[in-house]
Amino acid sequence: MKKIRGSLYFLDETFGRERIRRELDAQQDAGFDLVWVNGPPFRLEALEALQANVGAFDPIACLMDEAEARGMRVILEIMAREDWYVHWNLSGDLETSRKLTVILAQKYGCHPAFFGYYLGNEIYIVHGEQRTYCYTLWKSVAKWCKQETPGCKIVLSPFFVSDTGEELGYTYEKPEAYASFWRELLADTRIDILMLQDSGAEHAAFFGLAEREPYFAAVARACSDTGVELWGNVELAEIDVRDYTELKAFRADYGVNGAGFDDPHWIQVPISKLQNKAELASRYCAHLISWGFQQFVSPESGKVGSGTYFEAFQTWNRAET
């Protein structure tokens, strides 16, 4: 079974060097050697303001320097806008993405810790104009990234929907449809790595391994057919609900995360269950990464139980190969 190599890190513009150091220390102690990062500093207006303010503290450069000092590699997000899935504004998002690509490549693409770019459009199966949006945006941004930063890796982290009754409002499609969808989209978009989220759109504790495996198998076939590496995004947190009725009540009018990560329904995945999830993903994936370390596991998180859980996770993850 493979170890978890790293986790998505939300970099806030208020984070200073000491906060970043403490978080990367925790990640290194957990056995991580890779960090993929997003957050407000990656917005175009923030990057342009930093360019204009010579000498100002640069949280992205700080993170990359600290990562290099720990032997870690960094994946940087490129995403035109956080609510892209509301507007589907292809022309506008292409223009913004082009500017982001140039700035990020010039400022950070030659850094020794740099690994690649994470295209932050997390998606499942879409059709029509939405599919055209994804295909055109990803193909264009991947081309620009490879022009500006030769040798870089381009990464996506999609999810799947196992809710056959469509109780959460997502359109359900069978696993084989995911094989066809990703086979077609990956054929010439120059994506290098697909990091499949293992908890689907639901993030619910009642979601079993048997429901996950067909999607891993389907996406693995698509990746194999197109020469793309499949990685597993083995999530470290879940929503403690028993069924879709409780999950809908948890979401209420708030959305996917409910009232927020401080809600007690959000819990760390039990280590025994995490091991089973990692074993499943390891059967199909070249590497494992995760989401939820910063919010639920790190000693810096402040989450109830994080201290004890961090020690258990550290012991477990460092024991893997």
Protein backbone atom coordinates (compact mmCIF):
# COMPACT_ATOMS: atom_id res chain seq x y z
CA MET A 1 0.00 0.00 0.00
CA LYS A 2 1.23 3.48 -0.88
CA LYS A 3 1.71 6.32 1.60
CA ILE A 4 -0.04 9.67 1.30
CA ARG A 5 2.50 12.08 -0.16
CA GLY A 6 0.80 15.40 0.54
CA SER A 7 -2.39 17.37 0.94
CA LEU A 8 -4.15 20.41 -0.49
CA TYR A 9 -3.10 23.51 1.45
CA PHE A 10 -5.25 26.64 1.51
CA LEU A 11 -2.85 29.58 1.66
CA ASP A 12 -4.54 32.62 3.15
CA GLU A 13 -3.20 36.09 2.44
CA THR A 14 -2.94 36.68 6.21
CA PHE A 15 -0.50 33.80 6.73
CA GLY A 16 3.00 34.94 7.66
CA ARG A 17 6.27 33.06 7.48
CA GLU A 18 5.96 31.52 10.95
CA ARG A 19 2.46 30.20 10.27
CA ILE A 20 3.64 28.68 6.98
CA ARG A 21 6.69 27.17 8.67
CA ARG A 22 4.64 25.52 11.39
CA GLU A 23 2.21 24.03 8.88
CA LEU A 24 4.95 22.66 6.63
CA ASP A 25 6.74 21.25 9.68
CA ALA A 26 3.54 19.37 10.53
CA GLN A 27 3.21 18.11 6.97
CA GLN A 28 6.82 16.98 6.88
CA ASP A 29 6.38 15.24 10.24
CA ALA A 30 3.36 13.44 8.77
CA GLY A 31 5.57 12.03 6.01
CA PHE A 32 4.56 14.38 3.21
CA ASP A 33 6.95 15.43 0.43
CA LEU A 34 4.45 17.23 -1.80
CA VAL A 35 2.09 20.17 -1.22
CA TRP A 36 -0.51 21.41 -3.66
CA VAL A 37 -1.68 24.86 -2.81
CA ASN A 38 -4.52 27.27 -3.55
CA GLY A 39 -6.06 30.35 -1.96
CA PRO A 40 -6.49 34.13 -2.32
CA PRO A 41 -2.83 34.85 -3.19
CA PHE A 42 -3.41 33.01 -6.48
CA ARG A 43 -6.12 35.40 -7.65
CA LEU A 44 -5.08 37.61 -10.52
CA GLU A 45 -5.65 40.86 -8.64
CA ALA A 46 -3.50 39.65 -5.73
CA LEU A 47 -0.64 38.62 -8.02
CA GLU A 48 -0.78 41.88 -9.94
CA ALA A 49 -0.78 43.87 -6.68
CA LEU A 50 2.26 41.93 -5.51
CA GLN A 51 4.07 42.70 -8.76
CA ALA A 52 3.37 46.41 -8.27
CA ASN A 53 4.47 46.38 -4.62
CA VAL A 54 8.15 45.46 -4.88
CA GLY A 55 9.53 44.18 -1.60
CA ALA A 56 6.18 43.16 -0.11
CA PHE A 57 5.91 39.81 1.64
CA ASP A 58 5.11 37.09 -0.90
CA PRO A 59 3.34 34.14 0.76
CA ILE A 60 3.71 31.91 -2.32
CA ALA A 61 7.47 32.50 -2.56
CA CYS A 62 7.73 31.97 1.20
CA LEU A 63 5.90 28.66 0.99
CA MET A 64 8.10 27.50 -1.88
CA ASP A 65 11.30 28.46 -0.05
CA GLU A 66 10.15 26.65 3.08
CA ALA A 67 9.12 23.62 1.03
CA GLU A 68 12.53 23.50 -0.65
CA ALA A 69 14.22 23.62 2.76
CA ARG A 70 12.25 20.48 3.70
CA GLY A 71 12.78 18.60 0.45
CA MET A 72 9.15 19.07 -0.61
CA ARG A 73 7.75 19.85 -4.06
CA VAL A 74 4.93 22.32 -4.75
CA ILE A 75 1.95 22.32 -7.14
CA LEU A 76 0.45 25.77 -7.75
CA GLU A 77 -3.19 26.39 -8.58
CA ILE A 78 -4.39 28.14 -11.71
CA MET A 79 -8.09 29.03 -11.55
CA ALA A 80 -9.63 32.11 -13.14
CA ARG A 81 -12.38 32.55 -10.55
CA GLU A 82 -13.74 30.60 -7.61
CA ASP A 83 -17.32 30.61 -8.94
CA TRP A 84 -16.44 29.54 -12.49
CA TYR A 85 -19.12 26.81 -12.30
CA VAL A 86 -21.81 29.47 -11.85
CA HIS A 87 -20.87 31.58 -14.88
CA TRP A 88 -19.15 29.17 -17.32
CA ASN A 89 -17.58 32.26 -18.93
CA LEU A 90 -15.11 30.62 -21.30
CA SER A 91 -13.77 33.73 -23.04
CA GLY A 92 -13.31 35.64 -19.78
CA ASP A 93 -11.76 32.71 -17.95
CA LEU A 94 -9.37 32.03 -20.84
CA GLU A 95 -8.19 35.63 -20.72
CA THR A 96 -7.68 35.56 -16.95
CA SER A 97 -6.01 32.14 -17.05
CA ARG A 98 -3.53 33.32 -19.67
CA LYS A 99 -2.48 36.22 -17.45
CA LEU A 100 -2.23 33.92 -14.43
CA THR A 101 -0.07 31.46 -16.34
CA VAL A 102 2.43 34.14 -17.37
CA ILE A 103 2.75 35.64 -13.89
CA LEU A 104 3.02 32.32 -12.05
CA ALA A 105 5.56 30.98 -14.53
CA GLN A 106 7.72 34.09 -14.35
CA LYS A 107 7.65 34.36 -10.56
CA TYR A 108 7.72 30.74 -9.47
CA GLY A 109 8.19 28.37 -12.43
CA CYS A 110 11.98 28.22 -12.06
CA HIS A 111 11.94 27.67 -8.30
CA PRO A 112 13.67 24.41 -7.26
CA ALA A 113 10.56 23.31 -5.34
CA PHE A 114 8.20 23.80 -8.29
CA PHE A 115 6.48 20.65 -9.56
CA GLY A 116 3.53 21.75 -11.67
CA TYR A 117 0.15 23.44 -11.94
CA TYR A 118 -3.18 22.37 -10.50
CA LEU A 119 -6.16 23.39 -12.64
CA GLY A 120 -8.70 24.03 -9.90
CA ASN A 121 -11.87 23.20 -11.84
CA GLU A 122 -13.10 20.26 -9.78
CA ILE A 123 -15.76 18.56 -11.87
CA TYR A 124 -17.61 15.33 -12.59
CA ILE A 125 -19.30 14.45 -15.92
CA VAL A 126 -20.68 17.45 -17.81
CA HIS A 127 -22.13 17.80 -21.28
CA GLY A 128 -22.79 20.36 -23.99
CA GLU A 129 -21.41 23.85 -23.46
CA GLN A 130 -20.09 22.93 -20.03
CA ARG A 131 -18.05 20.10 -21.52
CA THR A 132 -16.77 22.47 -24.21
CA TYR A 133 -15.79 24.93 -21.50
CA CYS A 134 -13.73 22.33 -19.61
CA TYR A 135 -12.09 20.87 -22.71
CA THR A 136 -11.16 24.23 -24.24
CA LEU A 137 -9.99 25.79 -20.98
CA TRP A 138 -7.88 22.83 -19.90
CA LYS A 139 -6.32 22.32 -23.31
CA SER A 140 -5.45 26.01 -23.63
CA VAL A 141 -4.09 26.42 -20.11
CA ALA A 142 -2.05 23.22 -20.34
CA LYS A 143 -0.51 24.44 -23.60
CA TRP A 144 0.35 27.83 -22.11
CA CYS A 145 1.80 26.28 -18.96
CA LYS A 146 4.07 23.98 -20.93
CA GLN A 147 5.18 26.87 -23.14
CA GLU A 148 5.96 29.11 -20.17
CA THR A 149 7.36 26.38 -17.91
CA PRO A 150 8.81 23.51 -19.96
CA GLY A 151 8.73 20.19 -18.12
CA CYS A 152 5.93 21.16 -15.73
CA LYS A 153 3.18 18.74 -14.77
CA ILE A 154 -0.49 19.64 -15.28
CA VAL A 155 -2.87 18.26 -12.66
CA LEU A 156 -6.65 17.91 -12.23
CA SER A 157 -8.60 16.58 -9.23
CA PRO A 158 -12.12 15.59 -10.33
CA PHE A 159 -14.79 13.75 -8.40
CA PHE A 160 -17.65 11.37 -9.16
CA VAL A 161 -21.30 11.10 -8.14
CA SER A 162 -22.56 7.80 -6.71
CA ASP A 163 -25.97 9.15 -5.69
CA THR A 164 -28.12 6.94 -7.94
CA GLY A 165 -31.33 8.58 -6.72
CA GLU A 166 -29.95 12.07 -7.42
CA GLU A 167 -31.10 13.11 -3.96
CA LEU A 168 -28.46 15.85 -3.75
CA GLY A 169 -29.30 17.28 -7.15
CA TYR A 170 -26.27 15.95 -9.02
CA THR A 171 -26.85 14.08 -12.27
CA TYR A 172 -25.98 10.40 -11.85
CA GLU A 173 -24.14 8.44 -14.52
CA LYS A 174 -22.78 4.91 -14.38
CA PRO A 175 -19.04 4.34 -13.84
CA GLU A 176 -18.50 3.35 -17.48
CA ALA A 177 -19.64 6.81 -18.53
CA TYR A 178 -16.73 8.21 -16.52
CA ALA A 179 -14.34 6.02 -18.48
CA SER A 180 -15.69 7.40 -21.76
CA PHE A 181 -15.82 10.99 -20.54
CA TRP A 182 -12.25 11.09 -19.28
CA ARG A 183 -10.90 9.07 -22.19
CA GLU A 184 -12.24 11.69 -24.58
CA LEU A 185 -11.18 14.74 -22.57
CA LEU A 186 -7.71 13.49 -21.74
CA ALA A 187 -6.89 12.42 -25.30
CA ASP A 188 -5.25 15.69 -26.39
CA THR A 189 -5.53 18.18 -23.52
CA ARG A 190 -1.94 17.49 -22.34
CA ILE A 191 -3.06 16.78 -18.77
CA ASP A 192 -0.37 14.75 -17.00
CA ILE A 193 -1.99 13.67 -13.73
CA LEU A 194 -5.59 13.03 -12.68
CA MET A 195 -6.02 12.97 -8.88
CA LEU A 196 -9.41 11.29 -8.37
CA GLN A 197 -11.23 12.31 -5.18
CA ASP A 198 -12.25 9.15 -3.34
CA SER A 199 -15.32 10.49 -1.52
CA GLY A 200 -17.35 11.55 -4.52
CA ALA A 201 -19.60 14.57 -4.25
CA GLU A 202 -21.03 13.39 -0.95
CA HIS A 203 -18.11 13.29 1.57
CA ALA A 204 -20.43 11.21 3.74
CA ALA A 205 -19.38 8.57 6.29
CA PHE A 206 -22.00 6.10 5.01
CA PHE A 207 -20.34 6.01 1.59
CA GLY A 208 -18.73 2.54 1.35
CA LEU A 209 -15.69 1.14 -0.42
CA ALA A 210 -17.80 -0.97 -2.75
CA GLU A 211 -19.39 2.20 -4.10
CA ARG A 212 -16.01 3.83 -4.75
CA GLU A 213 -14.16 1.05 -6.55
CA PRO A 214 -16.09 1.02 -9.86
CA TYR A 215 -15.23 4.68 -10.39
CA PHE A 216 -11.54 4.13 -9.69
CA ALA A 217 -11.55 1.20 -12.12
CA ALA A 218 -13.33 3.22 -14.82
CA VAL A 219 -11.12 6.31 -14.53
CA ALA A 220 -8.02 4.09 -14.36
CA ARG A 221 -8.96 2.61 -17.76
CA ALA A 222 -9.33 6.09 -19.23
CA CYS A 223 -5.97 7.17 -17.85
CA SER A 224 -4.25 4.03 -19.08
CA ASP A 225 -5.68 4.52 -22.58
CA THR A 226 -4.47 8.13 -22.75
CA GLY A 227 -1.10 7.86 -21.01
CA VAL A 228 -2.16 9.96 -18.03
CA GLU A 229 -1.07 9.09 -14.47
CA LEU A 230 -3.89 8.36 -12.06
CA TRP A 231 -3.33 9.47 -8.47
CA GLY A 232 -5.72 8.90 -5.59
CA ASN A 233 -7.05 11.81 -3.54
CA VAL A 234 -7.70 9.91 -0.30
CA GLU A 235 -9.64 12.36 1.85
CA LEU A 236 -8.91 12.60 5.58
CA ALA A 237 -12.27 13.99 6.72
CA GLU A 238 -15.90 13.00 6.25
CA ILE A 239 -19.37 14.06 7.30
CA ASP A 240 -20.73 11.89 10.10
CA VAL A 241 -24.25 11.18 8.82
CA ARG A 242 -26.10 7.89 8.33
CA ASP A 243 -27.98 8.47 5.08
CA TYR A 244 -28.98 11.01 2.45
CA THR A 245 -31.78 12.36 4.63
CA GLU A 246 -29.29 13.36 7.32
CA LEU A 247 -26.82 14.62 4.70
CA LYS A 248 -29.43 16.91 3.17
CA ALA A 249 -30.30 18.22 6.62
CA PHE A 250 -26.61 18.85 7.27
CA ARG A 251 -26.27 20.82 4.05
CA ALA A 252 -29.58 22.66 4.49
CA ASP A 253 -29.18 26.08 2.89
CA TYR A 254 -25.42 26.21 3.45
CA GLY A 255 -24.08 24.03 0.63
CA VAL A 256 -21.67 21.12 0.37
CA ASN A 257 -19.72 21.85 3.58
CA GLY A 258 -22.74 22.61 5.73
CA ALA A 259 -22.28 25.48 8.18
CA GLY A 260 -18.49 25.05 7.95
CA PHE A 261 -15.64 22.79 9.00
CA ASP A 262 -16.24 23.63 12.67
CA ASP A 263 -19.56 21.79 12.50
CA PRO A 264 -19.17 18.68 14.70
CA HIS A 265 -20.52 16.50 11.90
CA TRP A 266 -17.17 16.96 10.18
CA ILE A 267 -14.85 14.29 11.64
CA GLN A 268 -11.47 12.74 10.90
CA VAL A 269 -11.73 9.48 8.97
CA PRO A 270 -10.99 6.64 11.42
CA ILE A 271 -7.50 5.27 10.80
CA SER A 272 -8.81 1.75 10.10
CA LYS A 273 -11.17 3.14 7.46
CA LEU A 274 -8.43 5.39 6.07
CA GLN A 275 -6.24 2.34 5.63
CA ASN A 276 -9.00 0.58 3.69
CA LYS A 277 -9.48 3.64 1.50
CA ALA A 278 -5.75 3.88 0.84
CA GLU A 279 -5.55 0.18 -0.01
CA LEU A 280 -8.34 0.62 -2.55
CA ALA A 281 -6.75 3.65 -4.17
CA SER A 282 -3.33 1.99 -4.19
CA ARG A 283 -4.64 -0.79 -6.40
CA TYR A 284 -5.34 1.71 -9.19
CA CYS A 285 -3.12 4.75 -8.54
CA ALA A 286 0.55 5.59 -8.97
CA HIS A 287 0.58 7.91 -5.94
CA LEU A 288 -1.74 9.03 -3.15
CA ILE A 289 -2.41 12.58 -1.96
CA SER A 290 -5.23 13.93 0.18
CA TRP A 291 -7.51 16.71 1.30
CA GLY A 292 -8.36 17.63 4.89
CA PHE A 293 -4.98 17.57 6.63
CA GLN A 294 -4.83 21.33 7.19
CA GLN A 295 -8.43 21.61 8.39
CA PHE A 296 -8.78 18.44 10.50
CA VAL A 297 -5.46 16.71 11.18
CA SER A 298 -2.67 19.26 11.53
CA PRO A 299 -1.78 20.43 15.05
CA GLU A 300 -2.36 23.90 13.60
CA SER A 301 -6.01 23.10 12.74
CA GLY A 302 -7.51 23.52 16.20
CA LYS A 303 -10.00 20.77 15.33
CA VAL A 304 -11.24 18.71 18.27
CA GLY A 305 -9.20 15.51 18.48
CA SER A 306 -6.56 16.66 16.01
CA GLY A 307 -3.65 16.11 18.40
CA THR A 308 -4.39 12.45 19.02
CA TYR A 309 -5.41 11.85 15.43
CA PHE A 310 -2.25 13.51 14.07
CA GLU A 311 -0.07 11.14 16.08
CA ALA A 312 -2.02 8.12 14.85
CA PHE A 313 -1.95 9.36 11.25
CA GLN A 314 1.77 10.12 11.45
CA THR A 315 2.54 6.62 12.73
CA TRP A 316 0.35 5.01 10.08
CA ASN A 317 1.50 7.07 7.10
CA ARG A 318 5.21 6.84 7.90
CA ALA A 319 4.89 3.06 8.13
CA GLU A 320 3.66 2.82 4.52
CA THR A 321 5.98 2.47 1.53
